[in-house]
Amino acid sequence: QVQLVESGGGVVQPGGSLRLSCAATRSIFISTYVMRWYRQPAGKQRELVASMTPGGTTSYPDSVKGRFTISRDSAKNTGYLQMNSLKPEDTAVYYCNAGGTWGQGTSVTVSE
């Protein structure tokens, strides 16, 4: 059974950057399915923040457009979420999803 392993979360000041990674344990998995990143702030519902189709089409909600970039490295079977100009409201646990499989989540805190 494939697993998605996330990493890259942490604590960063407003305006800072982080890059999250999502590594699949099965070859070509990341490039075969739609890859999505979600986030869930404490006490709130999970929300979609980025998606990428197998063909490479990306989409973002207005809340992160222009600041977040989703990408993948098929050779490494790894997806990424580059987050720039981070704001306190970006604080959440971030999850990747592909082919119906969820990662375990990685925590991002944006604070002075």
Protein backbone atom coordinates (compact mmCIF):
# COMPACT_ATOMS: atom_id res chain seq x y z
CA GLN A 1 0.00 0.00 0.00
CA VAL A 2 1.38 3.39 -0.99
CA GLN A 3 2.20 5.94 1.69
CA LEU A 4 2.73 9.67 1.43
CA VAL A 5 5.32 11.10 3.79
CA GLU A 6 5.31 14.85 4.34
CA SER A 7 8.09 17.00 5.68
CA GLY A 8 9.26 20.60 5.75
CA GLY A 9 6.91 22.19 8.23
CA GLY A 10 8.08 24.41 11.04
CA VAL A 11 7.88 27.83 12.63
CA VAL A 12 8.53 30.88 10.47
CA GLN A 13 8.07 34.63 10.85
CA PRO A 14 5.50 36.51 8.78
CA GLY A 15 6.88 37.16 5.32
CA GLY A 16 9.03 34.06 5.45
CA SER A 17 9.05 30.97 3.26
CA LEU A 18 8.82 27.21 3.66
CA ARG A 19 8.86 24.34 1.23
CA LEU A 20 6.82 21.27 2.07
CA SER A 21 7.61 17.89 0.56
CA CYS A 22 5.37 14.89 -0.05
CA ALA A 23 7.25 11.70 -0.88
CA ALA A 24 5.38 8.67 -2.21
CA THR A 25 6.61 5.19 -1.42
CA ARG A 26 5.47 3.82 -4.77
CA SER A 27 7.15 4.68 -8.03
CA ILE A 28 5.34 7.09 -10.47
CA PHE A 29 2.52 7.56 -7.97
CA ILE A 30 2.90 11.31 -7.73
CA SER A 31 2.76 11.83 -11.50
CA THR A 32 -0.14 9.43 -12.08
CA TYR A 33 -2.82 11.09 -9.97
CA VAL A 34 -4.04 14.56 -9.22
CA MET A 35 -1.90 15.81 -6.37
CA ARG A 36 -3.46 18.15 -3.85
CA TRP A 37 -2.32 20.03 -0.79
CA TYR A 38 -4.81 20.84 1.95
CA ARG A 39 -4.51 22.63 5.25
CA GLN A 40 -6.47 22.50 8.46
CA PRO A 41 -6.15 25.30 10.99
CA ALA A 42 -6.85 24.35 14.58
CA GLY A 43 -10.59 24.06 15.16
CA LYS A 44 -11.46 24.64 11.51
CA GLN A 45 -12.29 22.56 8.47
CA ARG A 46 -9.72 21.25 6.07
CA GLU A 47 -9.36 23.42 2.95
CA LEU A 48 -7.75 22.88 -0.42
CA VAL A 49 -4.78 25.17 -1.10
CA ALA A 50 -3.25 23.75 -4.28
CA SER A 51 -3.72 21.05 -6.88
CA MET A 52 -1.83 19.72 -9.87
CA THR A 53 -3.17 17.37 -12.54
CA PRO A 54 -1.04 14.62 -14.12
CA GLY A 55 -0.71 16.94 -17.12
CA GLY A 56 0.69 19.70 -14.95
CA THR A 57 -2.28 22.06 -14.71
CA THR A 58 -2.29 23.85 -11.37
CA SER A 59 -4.95 25.71 -9.44
CA TYR A 60 -5.08 27.70 -6.22
CA PRO A 61 -7.71 29.50 -4.17
CA ASP A 62 -7.46 33.28 -4.02
CA SER A 63 -6.18 33.11 -0.45
CA VAL A 64 -2.83 31.67 -1.55
CA LYS A 65 -2.64 32.54 -5.26
CA GLY A 66 0.62 34.24 -6.10
CA ARG A 67 2.24 33.07 -2.83
CA PHE A 68 2.06 29.26 -3.00
CA THR A 69 3.39 27.07 -5.81
CA ILE A 70 2.74 23.36 -6.22
CA SER A 71 5.23 21.25 -8.14
CA ARG A 72 6.51 17.72 -8.43
CA ASP A 73 9.67 15.83 -9.26
CA SER A 74 8.56 12.65 -11.00
CA ALA A 75 12.04 11.15 -10.85
CA LYS A 76 11.95 11.44 -7.06
CA ASN A 77 8.24 10.64 -6.86
CA THR A 78 7.89 13.67 -4.65
CA GLY A 79 5.53 16.62 -4.64
CA TYR A 80 6.23 20.03 -3.21
CA LEU A 81 4.42 23.08 -1.94
CA GLN A 82 6.54 26.24 -1.98
CA MET A 83 5.03 28.82 0.35
CA ASN A 84 6.25 32.41 0.21
CA SER A 85 5.15 35.62 1.91
CA LEU A 86 3.64 33.59 4.71
CA LYS A 87 1.00 35.15 6.93
CA PRO A 88 -0.21 34.21 10.41
CA GLU A 89 -3.46 32.99 8.84
CA ASP A 90 -1.44 30.36 6.96
CA THR A 91 -0.84 28.60 10.28
CA ALA A 92 -2.24 25.07 9.98
CA VAL A 93 -1.43 21.42 9.58
CA TYR A 94 -0.75 20.78 5.90
CA TYR A 95 -1.62 17.51 4.19
CA CYS A 96 -0.89 16.13 0.76
CA ASN A 97 -3.26 13.84 -1.07
CA ALA A 98 -2.88 11.75 -4.20
CA GLY A 99 -4.91 8.81 -5.48
CA GLY A 100 -7.10 8.88 -2.38
CA THR A 101 -4.12 8.50 -0.07
CA TRP A 102 -3.37 11.07 2.62
CA GLY A 103 -0.10 11.97 4.21
CA GLN A 104 0.24 12.28 7.97
CA GLY A 105 0.40 16.07 7.93
CA THR A 106 3.11 18.58 8.73
CA SER A 107 2.61 21.58 10.99
CA VAL A 108 3.25 25.13 9.83
CA THR A 109 3.22 28.01 12.30
CA VAL A 110 3.63 31.60 11.15
CA SER A 111 4.34 33.82 14.12
CA GLU A 112 6.61 36.64 15.28
